[in-house]
């Protein structure tokens, strides 16, 4: 049927088939609501991406705050111990 909207085709690779078979068994039907599955999956993926981005931003803010506060970014005693034991070149 002609449409101006994008069409999508999904190949049931082994992991896709496994997930869909599990859903089919739970639904008790061979028909799976592909549109709903795509929407739910896209929203879940968006949540993951946004959480990862927020985590990166939080770590950057913490690092920026430590730099501005002139806090050491490494443990000076641990660094001295490594130098003393010869695990690193002297400065």
PDB file of N, CA and C in Angstrom:
ATOM      1  N   UNK A   1       0.844  -1.164   0.000  1.00  0.00           N
ATOM      2  CA  UNK A   1       0.000   0.000   0.000  1.00  0.00           C
ATOM      3  C   UNK A   1       0.902   1.245   0.000  1.00  0.00           C
ATOM      4  N   UNK A   2       0.693   2.184  -0.873  1.00  0.00           N
ATOM      5  CA  UNK A   2       1.530   3.384  -0.929  1.00  0.00           C
ATOM      6  C   UNK A   2       1.401   4.219   0.352  1.00  0.00           C
ATOM      7  N   UNK A   3       2.516   4.791   0.753  1.00  0.00           N
ATOM      8  CA  UNK A   3       2.529   5.646   1.940  1.00  0.00           C
ATOM      9  C   UNK A   3       3.689   6.620   1.850  1.00  0.00           C
ATOM     10  N   UNK A   4       3.576   7.712   2.544  1.00  0.00           N
ATOM     11  CA  UNK A   4       4.684   8.666   2.601  1.00  0.00           C
ATOM     12  C   UNK A   4       5.545   8.408   3.831  1.00  0.00           C
ATOM     13  N   UNK A   5       5.129   7.476   4.659  1.00  0.00           N
ATOM     14  CA  UNK A   5       5.877   7.165   5.886  1.00  0.00           C
ATOM     15  C   UNK A   5       6.926   6.096   5.619  1.00  0.00           C
ATOM     16  N   UNK A   6       7.961   6.109   6.434  1.00  0.00           N
ATOM     17  CA  UNK A   6       9.016   5.105   6.310  1.00  0.00           C
ATOM     18  C   UNK A   6       8.480   3.723   6.663  1.00  0.00           C
ATOM     19  N   UNK A   7       9.008   2.724   5.980  1.00  0.00           N
ATOM     20  CA  UNK A   7       8.674   1.336   6.292  1.00  0.00           C
ATOM     21  C   UNK A   7       9.921   0.676   6.874  1.00  0.00           C
ATOM     22  N   UNK A   8       9.706  -0.319   7.702  1.00  0.00           N
ATOM     23  CA  UNK A   8      10.819  -1.014   8.343  1.00  0.00           C
ATOM     24  C   UNK A   8      10.619  -2.516   8.193  1.00  0.00           C
ATOM     25  N   UNK A   9      11.711  -3.214   7.982  1.00  0.00           N
ATOM     26  CA  UNK A   9      11.679  -4.673   7.915  1.00  0.00           C
ATOM     27  C   UNK A   9      12.628  -5.203   8.985  1.00  0.00           C
ATOM     28  N   UNK A  10      12.217  -6.260   9.659  1.00  0.00           N
ATOM     29  CA  UNK A  10      13.033  -6.836  10.719  1.00  0.00           C
ATOM     30  C   UNK A  10      13.311  -8.292  10.381  1.00  0.00           C
ATOM     31  N   UNK A  11      14.590  -8.654  10.384  1.00  0.00           N
ATOM     32  CA  UNK A  11      14.988 -10.039  10.184  1.00  0.00           C
ATOM     33  C   UNK A  11      15.080 -10.700  11.551  1.00  0.00           C
ATOM     34  N   UNK A  12      14.482 -11.866  11.683  1.00  0.00           N
ATOM     35  CA  UNK A  12      14.529 -12.569  12.963  1.00  0.00           C
ATOM     36  C   UNK A  12      15.855 -13.306  13.101  1.00  0.00           C
ATOM     37  N   UNK A  13      16.889 -12.538  13.443  1.00  0.00           N
ATOM     38  CA  UNK A  13      18.178 -13.133  13.778  1.00  0.00           C
ATOM     39  C   UNK A  13      17.988 -13.930  15.067  1.00  0.00           C
ATOM     40  N   UNK A  14      18.923 -14.798  15.431  1.00  0.00           N
ATOM     41  CA  UNK A  14      18.721 -15.614  16.634  1.00  0.00           C
ATOM     42  C   UNK A  14      18.323 -14.826  17.895  1.00  0.00           C
ATOM     43  N   UNK A  15      18.992 -13.698  18.239  1.00  0.00           N
ATOM     44  CA  UNK A  15      18.553 -12.998  19.453  1.00  0.00           C
ATOM     45  C   UNK A  15      17.170 -12.353  19.306  1.00  0.00           C
ATOM     46  N   UNK A  16      16.845 -11.864  18.111  1.00  0.00           N
ATOM     47  CA  UNK A  16      15.526 -11.266  17.874  1.00  0.00           C
ATOM     48  C   UNK A  16      14.462 -12.350  17.946  1.00  0.00           C
ATOM     49  N   UNK A  17      14.736 -13.491  17.320  1.00  0.00           N
ATOM     50  CA  UNK A  17      13.787 -14.609  17.332  1.00  0.00           C
ATOM     51  C   UNK A  17      13.539 -15.092  18.756  1.00  0.00           C
ATOM     52  N   UNK A  18      14.605 -15.191  19.537  1.00  0.00           N
ATOM     53  CA  UNK A  18      14.463 -15.648  20.923  1.00  0.00           C
ATOM     54  C   UNK A  18      13.556 -14.701  21.717  1.00  0.00           C
ATOM     55  N   UNK A  19      13.791 -13.400  21.578  1.00  0.00           N
ATOM     56  CA  UNK A  19      12.972 -12.418  22.303  1.00  0.00           C
ATOM     57  C   UNK A  19      11.522 -12.461  21.827  1.00  0.00           C
ATOM     58  N   UNK A  20      11.321 -12.539  20.510  1.00  0.00           N
ATOM     59  CA  UNK A  20       9.955 -12.563  19.980  1.00  0.00           C
ATOM     60  C   UNK A  20       9.236 -13.865  20.318  1.00  0.00           C
ATOM     61  N   UNK A  21       9.960 -14.993  20.290  1.00  0.00           N
ATOM     62  CA  UNK A  21       9.340 -16.270  20.664  1.00  0.00           C
ATOM     63  C   UNK A  21       8.880 -16.243  22.121  1.00  0.00           C
ATOM     64  N   UNK A  22       9.695 -15.641  22.975  1.00  0.00           N
ATOM     65  CA  UNK A  22       9.320 -15.527  24.386  1.00  0.00           C
ATOM     66  C   UNK A  22       8.059 -14.668  24.529  1.00  0.00           C
ATOM     67  N   UNK A  23       7.998 -13.585  23.769  1.00  0.00           N
ATOM     68  CA  UNK A  23       6.817 -12.716  23.800  1.00  0.00           C
ATOM     69  C   UNK A  23       5.598 -13.442  23.237  1.00  0.00           C
ATOM     70  N   UNK A  24       5.787 -14.161  22.127  1.00  0.00           N
ATOM     71  CA  UNK A  24       4.674 -14.911  21.530  1.00  0.00           C
ATOM     72  C   UNK A  24       4.107 -15.919  22.523  1.00  0.00           C
ATOM     73  N   UNK A  25       5.004 -16.603  23.236  1.00  0.00           N
ATOM     74  CA  UNK A  25       4.563 -17.599  24.218  1.00  0.00           C
ATOM     75  C   UNK A  25       3.758 -16.929  25.331  1.00  0.00           C
ATOM     76  N   UNK A  26       4.217 -15.775  25.772  1.00  0.00           N
ATOM     77  CA  UNK A  26       3.512 -15.055  26.841  1.00  0.00           C
ATOM     78  C   UNK A  26       2.163 -14.539  26.362  1.00  0.00           C
ATOM     79  N   UNK A  27       2.123 -14.051  25.111  1.00  0.00           N
ATOM     80  CA  UNK A  27       0.874 -13.535  24.549  1.00  0.00           C
ATOM     81  C   UNK A  27      -0.089 -14.654  24.169  1.00  0.00           C
ATOM     82  N   UNK A  28       0.467 -15.845  23.910  1.00  0.00           N
ATOM     83  CA  UNK A  28      -0.363 -16.951  23.448  1.00  0.00           C
ATOM     84  C   UNK A  28      -0.814 -16.760  22.015  1.00  0.00           C
ATOM     85  N   UNK A  29      -0.021 -16.039  21.234  1.00  0.00           N
ATOM     86  CA  UNK A  29      -0.384 -15.733  19.847  1.00  0.00           C
ATOM     87  C   UNK A  29       0.887 -15.544  19.030  1.00  0.00           C
ATOM     88  N   UNK A  30       0.787 -15.861  17.732  1.00  0.00           N
ATOM     89  CA  UNK A  30       1.918 -15.617  16.837  1.00  0.00           C
ATOM     90  C   UNK A  30       2.015 -14.152  16.438  1.00  0.00           C
ATOM     91  N   UNK A  31       0.940 -13.412  16.631  1.00  0.00           N
ATOM     92  CA  UNK A  31       0.941 -11.990  16.268  1.00  0.00           C
ATOM     93  C   UNK A  31       1.607 -11.189  17.384  1.00  0.00           C
ATOM     94  N   UNK A  32       2.588 -10.395  16.990  1.00  0.00           N
ATOM     95  CA  UNK A  32       3.241  -9.522  17.968  1.00  0.00           C
ATOM     96  C   UNK A  32       3.004  -8.075  17.551  1.00  0.00           C
ATOM     97  N   UNK A  33       2.742  -7.210  18.503  1.00  0.00           N
ATOM     98  CA  UNK A  33       2.477  -5.801  18.189  1.00  0.00           C
ATOM     99  C   UNK A  33       3.783  -5.061  17.880  1.00  0.00           C
ATOM    100  N   UNK A  34       4.262  -5.190  16.633  1.00  0.00           N
ATOM    101  CA  UNK A  34       5.560  -4.622  16.255  1.00  0.00           C
ATOM    102  C   UNK A  34       5.646  -3.121  16.514  1.00  0.00           C
ATOM    103  N   UNK A  35       4.603  -2.394  16.185  1.00  0.00           N
ATOM    104  CA  UNK A  35       4.633  -0.950  16.418  1.00  0.00           C
ATOM    105  C   UNK A  35       4.859  -0.625  17.887  1.00  0.00           C
ATOM    106  N   UNK A  36       4.144  -1.317  18.744  1.00  0.00           N
ATOM    107  CA  UNK A  36       4.277  -1.091  20.184  1.00  0.00           C
ATOM    108  C   UNK A  36       5.668  -1.487  20.671  1.00  0.00           C
ATOM    109  N   UNK A  37       6.185  -2.601  20.159  1.00  0.00           N
ATOM    110  CA  UNK A  37       7.520  -3.059  20.542  1.00  0.00           C
ATOM    111  C   UNK A  37       8.569  -2.024  20.149  1.00  0.00           C
ATOM    112  N   UNK A  38       8.455  -1.489  18.952  1.00  0.00           N
ATOM    113  CA  UNK A  38       9.415  -0.482  18.485  1.00  0.00           C
ATOM    114  C   UNK A  38       9.339   0.768  19.357  1.00  0.00           C
ATOM    115  N   UNK A  39       8.130   1.229  19.651  1.00  0.00           N
ATOM    116  CA  UNK A  39       7.967   2.431  20.482  1.00  0.00           C
ATOM    117  C   UNK A  39       8.563   2.199  21.871  1.00  0.00           C
ATOM    118  N   UNK A  40       8.236   1.073  22.497  1.00  0.00           N
ATOM    119  CA  UNK A  40       8.767   0.775  23.826  1.00  0.00           C
ATOM    120  C   UNK A  40      10.288   0.663  23.807  1.00  0.00           C
ATOM    121  N   UNK A  41      10.815  -0.022  22.797  1.00  0.00           N
ATOM    122  CA  UNK A  41      12.265  -0.175  22.683  1.00  0.00           C
ATOM    123  C   UNK A  41      12.968   1.149  22.446  1.00  0.00           C
ATOM    124  N   UNK A  42      12.398   1.983  21.593  1.00  0.00           N
ATOM    125  CA  UNK A  42      13.002   3.288  21.309  1.00  0.00           C
ATOM    126  C   UNK A  42      13.003   4.157  22.558  1.00  0.00           C
ATOM    127  N   UNK A  43      11.914   4.136  23.301  1.00  0.00           N
ATOM    128  CA  UNK A  43      11.848   4.943  24.530  1.00  0.00           C
ATOM    129  C   UNK A  43      12.833   4.442  25.582  1.00  0.00           C
ATOM    130  N   UNK A  44      12.961   3.121  25.689  1.00  0.00           N
ATOM    131  CA  UNK A  44      13.910   2.554  26.644  1.00  0.00           C
ATOM    132  C   UNK A  44      15.336   2.927  26.253  1.00  0.00           C
ATOM    133  N   UNK A  45      15.652   2.838  24.972  1.00  0.00           N
ATOM    134  CA  UNK A  45      16.989   3.199  24.493  1.00  0.00           C
ATOM    135  C   UNK A  45      17.270   4.675  24.754  1.00  0.00           C
ATOM    136  N   UNK A  46      16.275   5.521  24.538  1.00  0.00           N
ATOM    137  CA  UNK A  46      16.429   6.954  24.825  1.00  0.00           C
ATOM    138  C   UNK A  46      16.746   7.184  26.298  1.00  0.00           C
ATOM    139  N   UNK A  47      16.044   6.484  27.188  1.00  0.00           N
ATOM    140  CA  UNK A  47      16.315   6.611  28.628  1.00  0.00           C
ATOM    141  C   UNK A  47      17.750   6.217  28.941  1.00  0.00           C
ATOM    142  N   UNK A  48      18.214   5.122  28.339  1.00  0.00           N
ATOM    143  CA  UNK A  48      19.589   4.674  28.570  1.00  0.00           C
ATOM    144  C   UNK A  48      20.593   5.719  28.100  1.00  0.00           C
ATOM    145  N   UNK A  49      20.404   6.218  26.892  1.00  0.00           N
ATOM    146  CA  UNK A  49      21.331   7.207  26.343  1.00  0.00           C
ATOM    147  C   UNK A  49      21.359   8.475  27.187  1.00  0.00           C
ATOM    148  N   UNK A  50      20.191   8.929  27.611  1.00  0.00           N
ATOM    149  CA  UNK A  50      20.124  10.150  28.432  1.00  0.00           C
ATOM    150  C   UNK A  50      20.772   9.929  29.794  1.00  0.00           C
ATOM    151  N   UNK A  51      20.590   8.755  30.378  1.00  0.00           N
ATOM    152  CA  UNK A  51      21.212   8.454  31.672  1.00  0.00           C
ATOM    153  C   UNK A  51      22.728   8.414  31.532  1.00  0.00           C
ATOM    154  N   UNK A  52      23.226   7.809  30.447  1.00  0.00           N
ATOM    155  CA  UNK A  52      24.671   7.774  30.211  1.00  0.00           C
ATOM    156  C   UNK A  52      25.219   9.184  30.035  1.00  0.00           C
ATOM    157  N   UNK A  53      24.511  10.004  29.266  1.00  0.00           N
ATOM    158  CA  UNK A  53      24.957  11.380  29.042  1.00  0.00           C
ATOM    159  C   UNK A  53      24.964  12.156  30.354  1.00  0.00           C
ATOM    160  N   UNK A  54      23.930  11.983  31.159  1.00  0.00           N
ATOM    161  CA  UNK A  54      23.862  12.673  32.450  1.00  0.00           C
ATOM    162  C   UNK A  54      25.005  12.227  33.354  1.00  0.00           C
ATOM    163  N   UNK A  55      25.327  10.936  33.315  1.00  0.00           N
ATOM    164  CA  UNK A  55      26.451  10.423  34.103  1.00  0.00           C
ATOM    165  C   UNK A  55      27.768  11.058  33.686  1.00  0.00           C
ATOM    166  N   UNK A  56      27.980  11.179  32.379  1.00  0.00           N
ATOM    167  CA  UNK A  56      29.204  11.823  31.881  1.00  0.00           C
ATOM    168  C   UNK A  56      29.260  13.282  32.313  1.00  0.00           C
ATOM    169  N   UNK A  57      28.134  13.983  32.187  1.00  0.00           N
ATOM    170  CA  UNK A  57      28.098  15.396  32.586  1.00  0.00           C
ATOM    171  C   UNK A  57      28.379  15.550  34.078  1.00  0.00           C
ATOM    172  N   UNK A  58      27.830  14.660  34.891  1.00  0.00           N
ATOM    173  CA  UNK A  58      28.053  14.712  36.332  1.00  0.00           C
ATOM    174  C   UNK A  58      29.530  14.501  36.658  1.00  0.00           C
ATOM    175  N   UNK A  59      30.160  13.513  36.010  1.00  0.00           N
ATOM    176  CA  UNK A  59      31.585  13.266  36.249  1.00  0.00           C
ATOM    177  C   UNK A  59      32.431  14.458  35.812  1.00  0.00           C
ATOM    178  N   UNK A  60      32.077  15.078  34.685  1.00  0.00           N
ATOM    179  CA  UNK A  60      32.811  16.264  34.238  1.00  0.00           C
ATOM    180  C   UNK A  60      32.654  17.411  35.229  1.00  0.00           C
ATOM    181  N   UNK A  61      31.429  17.608  35.732  1.00  0.00           N
ATOM    182  CA  UNK A  61      31.204  18.680  36.711  1.00  0.00           C
ATOM    183  C   UNK A  61      32.026  18.441  37.973  1.00  0.00           C
ATOM    184  N   UNK A  62      32.064  17.199  38.434  1.00  0.00           N
ATOM    185  CA  UNK A  62      32.852  16.876  39.634  1.00  0.00           C
ATOM    186  C   UNK A  62      34.333  17.156  39.399  1.00  0.00           C
ATOM    187  N   UNK A  63      34.837  16.740  38.239  1.00  0.00           N
ATOM    188  CA  UNK A  63      36.242  16.988  37.914  1.00  0.00           C
ATOM    189  C   UNK A  63      36.513  18.485  37.835  1.00  0.00           C
ATOM    190  N   UNK A  64      35.631  19.221  37.185  1.00  0.00           N
ATOM    191  CA  UNK A  64      35.780  20.679  37.082  1.00  0.00           C
ATOM    192  C   UNK A  64      35.800  21.310  38.469  1.00  0.00           C
ATOM    193  N   UNK A  65      34.901  20.868  39.339  1.00  0.00           N
ATOM    194  CA  UNK A  65      34.862  21.409  40.699  1.00  0.00           C
ATOM    195  C   UNK A  65      36.157  21.109  41.448  1.00  0.00           C
ATOM    196  N   UNK A  66      36.685  19.900  41.281  1.00  0.00           N
ATOM    197  CA  UNK A  66      37.943  19.539  41.951  1.00  0.00           C
ATOM    198  C   UNK A  66      39.096  20.373  41.425  1.00  0.00           C
ATOM    199  N   UNK A  67      39.127  20.602  40.116  1.00  0.00           N
ATOM    200  CA  UNK A  67      40.200  21.416  39.536  1.00  0.00           C
ATOM    201  C   UNK A  67      40.094  22.848  40.045  1.00  0.00           C
ATOM    202  N   UNK A  68      38.899  23.401  40.044  1.00  0.00           N
ATOM    203  CA  UNK A  68      38.704  24.781  40.525  1.00  0.00           C
ATOM    204  C   UNK A  68      39.055  24.919  42.004  1.00  0.00           C
ATOM    205  N   UNK A  69      38.789  23.884  42.784  1.00  0.00           N
ATOM    206  CA  UNK A  69      39.107  23.913  44.213  1.00  0.00           C
ATOM    207  C   UNK A  69      40.574  23.567  44.459  1.00  0.00           C
ATOM    208  N   UNK A  70      41.305  23.300  43.398  1.00  0.00           N
ATOM    209  CA  UNK A  70      42.732  22.939  43.452  1.00  0.00           C
ATOM    210  C   UNK A  70      42.977  21.690  44.298  1.00  0.00           C
ATOM    211  N   UNK A  71      42.028  20.779  44.262  1.00  0.00           N
ATOM    212  CA  UNK A  71      42.206  19.502  44.954  1.00  0.00           C
ATOM    213  C   UNK A  71      43.134  18.629  44.122  1.00  0.00           C
ATOM    214  N   UNK A  72      43.969  17.821  44.774  1.00  0.00           N
ATOM    215  CA  UNK A  72      44.815  16.908  43.992  1.00  0.00           C
ATOM    216  C   UNK A  72      43.938  15.887  43.259  1.00  0.00           C
ATOM    217  N   UNK A  73      44.297  15.614  42.021  1.00  0.00           N
ATOM    218  CA  UNK A  73      43.507  14.669  41.224  1.00  0.00           C
ATOM    219  C   UNK A  73      43.983  13.235  41.422  1.00  0.00           C
ATOM    220  N   UNK A  74      45.111  13.078  42.116  1.00  0.00           N
ATOM    221  CA  UNK A  74      45.622  11.747  42.410  1.00  0.00           C
ATOM    222  C   UNK A  74      46.059  11.731  43.870  1.00  0.00           C
ATOM    223  N   UNK A  75      46.259  10.563  44.395  1.00  0.00           N
ATOM    224  CA  UNK A  75      46.710  10.421  45.774  1.00  0.00           C
ATOM    225  C   UNK A  75      48.219  10.641  45.808  1.00  0.00           C
ATOM    226  N   UNK A  76      48.702  11.756  46.382  1.00  0.00           N
ATOM    227  CA  UNK A  76      50.135  12.045  46.376  1.00  0.00           C
ATOM    228  C   UNK A  76      50.955  10.989  47.109  1.00  0.00           C
ATOM    229  N   UNK A  77      50.418  10.413  48.178  1.00  0.00           N
ATOM    230  CA  UNK A  77      51.157   9.375  48.911  1.00  0.00           C
ATOM    231  C   UNK A  77      51.300   8.107  48.071  1.00  0.00           C
ATOM    232  N   UNK A  78      50.252   7.747  47.357  1.00  0.00           N
ATOM    233  CA  UNK A  78      50.323   6.567  46.488  1.00  0.00           C
ATOM    234  C   UNK A  78      51.312   6.806  45.353  1.00  0.00           C
ATOM    235  N   UNK A  79      51.329   8.008  44.800  1.00  0.00           N
ATOM    236  CA  UNK A  79      52.276   8.332  43.727  1.00  0.00           C
ATOM    237  C   UNK A  79      53.710   8.266  44.240  1.00  0.00           C
ATOM    238  N   UNK A  80      53.964   8.774  45.447  1.00  0.00           N
ATOM    239  CA  UNK A  80      55.308   8.724  46.030  1.00  0.00           C
ATOM    240  C   UNK A  80      55.732   7.280  46.265  1.00  0.00           C
ATOM    241  N   UNK A  81      54.804   6.457  46.719  1.00  0.00           N
ATOM    242  CA  UNK A  81      55.108   5.035  46.948  1.00  0.00           C
ATOM    243  C   UNK A  81      55.474   4.342  45.638  1.00  0.00           C
ATOM    244  N   UNK A  82      54.757   4.637  44.589  1.00  0.00           N
ATOM    245  CA  UNK A  82      55.059   4.036  43.283  1.00  0.00           C
ATOM    246  C   UNK A  82      56.439   4.471  42.814  1.00  0.00           C
ATOM    247  N   UNK A  83      56.757   5.758  42.976  1.00  0.00           N
ATOM    248  CA  UNK A  83      58.085   6.249  42.582  1.00  0.00           C
ATOM    249  C   UNK A  83      59.168   5.565  43.416  1.00  0.00           C
ATOM    250  N   UNK A  84      58.922   5.418  44.720  1.00  0.00           N
ATOM    251  CA  UNK A  84      59.901   4.809  45.623  1.00  0.00           C
ATOM    252  C   UNK A  84      60.174   3.355  45.238  1.00  0.00           C
ATOM    253  N   UNK A  85      59.139   2.637  44.839  1.00  0.00           N
ATOM    254  CA  UNK A  85      59.299   1.225  44.499  1.00  0.00           C
ATOM    255  C   UNK A  85      59.822   1.016  43.082  1.00  0.00           C
ATOM    256  N   UNK A  86      59.935   2.088  42.319  1.00  0.00           N
ATOM    257  CA  UNK A  86      60.501   1.970  40.986  1.00  0.00           C
ATOM    258  C   UNK A  86      59.511   1.572  39.909  1.00  0.00           C
ATOM    259  N   UNK A  87      58.223   1.711  40.166  1.00  0.00           N
ATOM    260  CA  UNK A  87      57.221   1.367  39.160  1.00  0.00           C
ATOM    261  C   UNK A  87      57.037   2.467  38.137  1.00  0.00           C
ATOM    262  N   UNK A  88      57.583   3.625  38.444  1.00  0.00           N
ATOM    263  CA  UNK A  88      57.452   4.761  37.531  1.00  0.00           C
ATOM    264  C   UNK A  88      58.778   5.501  37.496  1.00  0.00           C
ATOM    265  N   UNK A  89      59.006   6.244  36.429  1.00  0.00           N
ATOM    266  CA  UNK A  89      60.234   7.033  36.325  1.00  0.00           C
ATOM    267  C   UNK A  89      60.152   8.224  37.272  1.00  0.00           C
ATOM    268  N   UNK A  90      61.275   8.618  37.850  1.00  0.00           N
ATOM    269  CA  UNK A  90      61.268   9.812  38.709  1.00  0.00           C
ATOM    270  C   UNK A  90      60.934  11.058  37.895  1.00  0.00           C
ATOM    271  N   UNK A  91      60.302  12.013  38.540  1.00  0.00           N
ATOM    272  CA  UNK A  91      59.953  13.267  37.865  1.00  0.00           C
ATOM    273  C   UNK A  91      61.137  14.183  37.771  1.00  0.00           C
TER     274      UNK A  91
END
